[in-house]
Amino acid sequence: MPKYLKKVQVLLTETQYKNLEEIASTQKKKLGTLVREAVEEYHIKKKKEREIAEAADRILSMPEVPAPENWEEWEKEYLENKYSCR
């Protein structure tokens, strides 16, 4: 179980608080757990999705490189260059 080290104070309207209490009670969870799950699902998950999409865009925008005609030759040359640069 993660160790929670940071505290966040949030002000809610009476209606928001009552609704969250009701949901937490129905799901048999603590209010803090419900809020952490909401933050994770909504904000953090979307951030990770954006980062993945941006990485994919960067990969897809890379210049095209022709495939080697002879794979064995290319691999041999690649390995020689890889280890000779050290």
C-alpha atoms as a PDB file:
ATOM      1  CA  MET A   1       0.000   0.000   0.000  1.00  0.00           C
ATOM      2  CA  PRO A   2       1.424   3.409  -0.941  1.00  0.00           C
ATOM      3  CA  LYS A   3       2.501   5.745   1.827  1.00  0.00           C
ATOM      4  CA  TYR A   4       0.743   9.067   1.436  1.00  0.00           C
ATOM      5  CA  LEU A   5       3.102  11.923   2.245  1.00  0.00           C
ATOM      6  CA  LYS A   6       1.469  15.023   0.793  1.00  0.00           C
ATOM      7  CA  LYS A   7      -1.696  16.671   2.018  1.00  0.00           C
ATOM      8  CA  VAL A   8      -4.099  18.715  -0.100  1.00  0.00           C
ATOM      9  CA  GLN A   9      -6.882  20.833   1.301  1.00  0.00           C
ATOM     10  CA  VAL A  10      -9.961  21.217  -0.877  1.00  0.00           C
ATOM     11  CA  LEU A  11     -13.009  23.348  -0.209  1.00  0.00           C
ATOM     12  CA  LEU A  12     -16.305  21.939  -1.478  1.00  0.00           C
ATOM     13  CA  THR A  13     -19.843  23.178  -1.486  1.00  0.00           C
ATOM     14  CA  GLU A  14     -22.211  21.529   0.938  1.00  0.00           C
ATOM     15  CA  THR A  15     -23.891  19.719  -1.961  1.00  0.00           C
ATOM     16  CA  GLN A  16     -20.590  18.442  -3.368  1.00  0.00           C
ATOM     17  CA  TYR A  17     -19.545  17.178   0.045  1.00  0.00           C
ATOM     18  CA  LYS A  18     -22.870  15.423   0.698  1.00  0.00           C
ATOM     19  CA  ASN A  19     -22.761  13.791  -2.736  1.00  0.00           C
ATOM     20  CA  LEU A  20     -19.202  12.559  -2.167  1.00  0.00           C
ATOM     21  CA  GLU A  21     -20.114  11.252   1.280  1.00  0.00           C
ATOM     22  CA  GLU A  22     -23.037   9.357  -0.222  1.00  0.00           C
ATOM     23  CA  ILE A  23     -20.879   7.855  -2.976  1.00  0.00           C
ATOM     24  CA  ALA A  24     -18.152   6.917  -0.491  1.00  0.00           C
ATOM     25  CA  SER A  25     -20.705   5.283   1.790  1.00  0.00           C
ATOM     26  CA  THR A  26     -22.295   3.362  -1.085  1.00  0.00           C
ATOM     27  CA  GLN A  27     -18.894   2.119  -2.258  1.00  0.00           C
ATOM     28  CA  LYS A  28     -17.741   1.466   1.333  1.00  0.00           C
ATOM     29  CA  LYS A  29     -14.708   3.676   0.864  1.00  0.00           C
ATOM     30  CA  LYS A  30     -13.234   6.563   2.776  1.00  0.00           C
ATOM     31  CA  LEU A  31     -13.799  10.016   1.352  1.00  0.00           C
ATOM     32  CA  GLY A  32     -10.026  10.503   0.870  1.00  0.00           C
ATOM     33  CA  THR A  33      -9.799   7.266  -1.097  1.00  0.00           C
ATOM     34  CA  LEU A  34     -12.630   8.392  -3.344  1.00  0.00           C
ATOM     35  CA  VAL A  35     -10.915  11.738  -3.997  1.00  0.00           C
ATOM     36  CA  ARG A  36      -7.535  10.085  -4.702  1.00  0.00           C
ATOM     37  CA  GLU A  37      -9.167   7.678  -7.164  1.00  0.00           C
ATOM     38  CA  ALA A  38     -10.907  10.561  -8.923  1.00  0.00           C
ATOM     39  CA  VAL A  39      -7.652  12.512  -9.230  1.00  0.00           C
ATOM     40  CA  GLU A  40      -5.841   9.431 -10.539  1.00  0.00           C
ATOM     41  CA  GLU A  41      -8.567   8.488 -13.021  1.00  0.00           C
ATOM     42  CA  TYR A  42      -9.281  11.944 -14.360  1.00  0.00           C
ATOM     43  CA  HIS A  43      -6.122  14.029 -14.238  1.00  0.00           C
ATOM     44  CA  ILE A  44      -3.183  11.650 -13.957  1.00  0.00           C
ATOM     45  CA  LYS A  45      -4.547   9.107 -16.445  1.00  0.00           C
ATOM     46  CA  LYS A  46      -5.234  11.876 -18.990  1.00  0.00           C
ATOM     47  CA  LYS A  47      -1.704  13.265 -18.467  1.00  0.00           C
ATOM     48  CA  LYS A  48      -0.193   9.836 -19.171  1.00  0.00           C
ATOM     49  CA  GLU A  49      -2.384   9.454 -22.272  1.00  0.00           C
ATOM     50  CA  ARG A  50      -1.208  12.865 -23.550  1.00  0.00           C
ATOM     51  CA  GLU A  51       2.436  11.932 -22.959  1.00  0.00           C
ATOM     52  CA  ILE A  52       1.995   8.652 -24.853  1.00  0.00           C
ATOM     53  CA  ALA A  53       0.261  10.449 -27.746  1.00  0.00           C
ATOM     54  CA  GLU A  54       3.046  13.050 -27.888  1.00  0.00           C
ATOM     55  CA  ALA A  55       5.709  10.326 -27.913  1.00  0.00           C
ATOM     56  CA  ALA A  56       3.888   8.519 -30.726  1.00  0.00           C
ATOM     57  CA  ASP A  57       3.672  11.777 -32.698  1.00  0.00           C
ATOM     58  CA  ARG A  58       7.425  12.327 -32.255  1.00  0.00           C
ATOM     59  CA  ILE A  59       8.164   8.789 -33.444  1.00  0.00           C
ATOM     60  CA  LEU A  60       5.858   9.129 -36.448  1.00  0.00           C
ATOM     61  CA  SER A  61       7.405  12.463 -37.411  1.00  0.00           C
ATOM     62  CA  MET A  62      10.922  11.011 -37.569  1.00  0.00           C
ATOM     63  CA  PRO A  63      12.457  10.904 -41.029  1.00  0.00           C
ATOM     64  CA  GLU A  64      12.059   7.680 -42.952  1.00  0.00           C
ATOM     65  CA  VAL A  65      15.120   5.432 -43.036  1.00  0.00           C
ATOM     66  CA  PRO A  66      15.501   2.890 -45.826  1.00  0.00           C
ATOM     67  CA  ALA A  67      15.636  -0.762 -44.844  1.00  0.00           C
ATOM     68  CA  PRO A  68      19.044  -2.399 -45.356  1.00  0.00           C
ATOM     69  CA  GLU A  69      19.345  -4.590 -48.445  1.00  0.00           C
ATOM     70  CA  ASN A  70      21.368  -7.198 -46.593  1.00  0.00           C
ATOM     71  CA  TRP A  71      20.387  -7.554 -42.951  1.00  0.00           C
ATOM     72  CA  GLU A  72      23.391  -9.646 -41.895  1.00  0.00           C
ATOM     73  CA  GLU A  73      25.843  -7.157 -43.394  1.00  0.00           C
ATOM     74  CA  TRP A  74      24.043  -4.229 -41.835  1.00  0.00           C
ATOM     75  CA  GLU A  75      23.965  -5.907 -38.407  1.00  0.00           C
ATOM     76  CA  LYS A  76      27.681  -6.751 -38.575  1.00  0.00           C
ATOM     77  CA  GLU A  77      28.560  -3.167 -39.535  1.00  0.00           C
ATOM     78  CA  TYR A  78      26.226  -1.770 -36.873  1.00  0.00           C
ATOM     79  CA  LEU A  79      27.767  -3.883 -34.119  1.00  0.00           C
ATOM     80  CA  GLU A  80      31.308  -3.021 -35.211  1.00  0.00           C
ATOM     81  CA  ASN A  81      30.512   0.698 -35.129  1.00  0.00           C
ATOM     82  CA  LYS A  82      28.601   0.416 -31.880  1.00  0.00           C
ATOM     83  CA  TYR A  83      31.465  -1.145 -29.973  1.00  0.00           C
ATOM     84  CA  SER A  84      34.322   0.705 -31.700  1.00  0.00           C
ATOM     85  CA  CYS A  85      33.080   4.102 -30.461  1.00  0.00           C
ATOM     86  CA  ARG A  86      33.777   3.328 -26.815  1.00  0.00           C
END
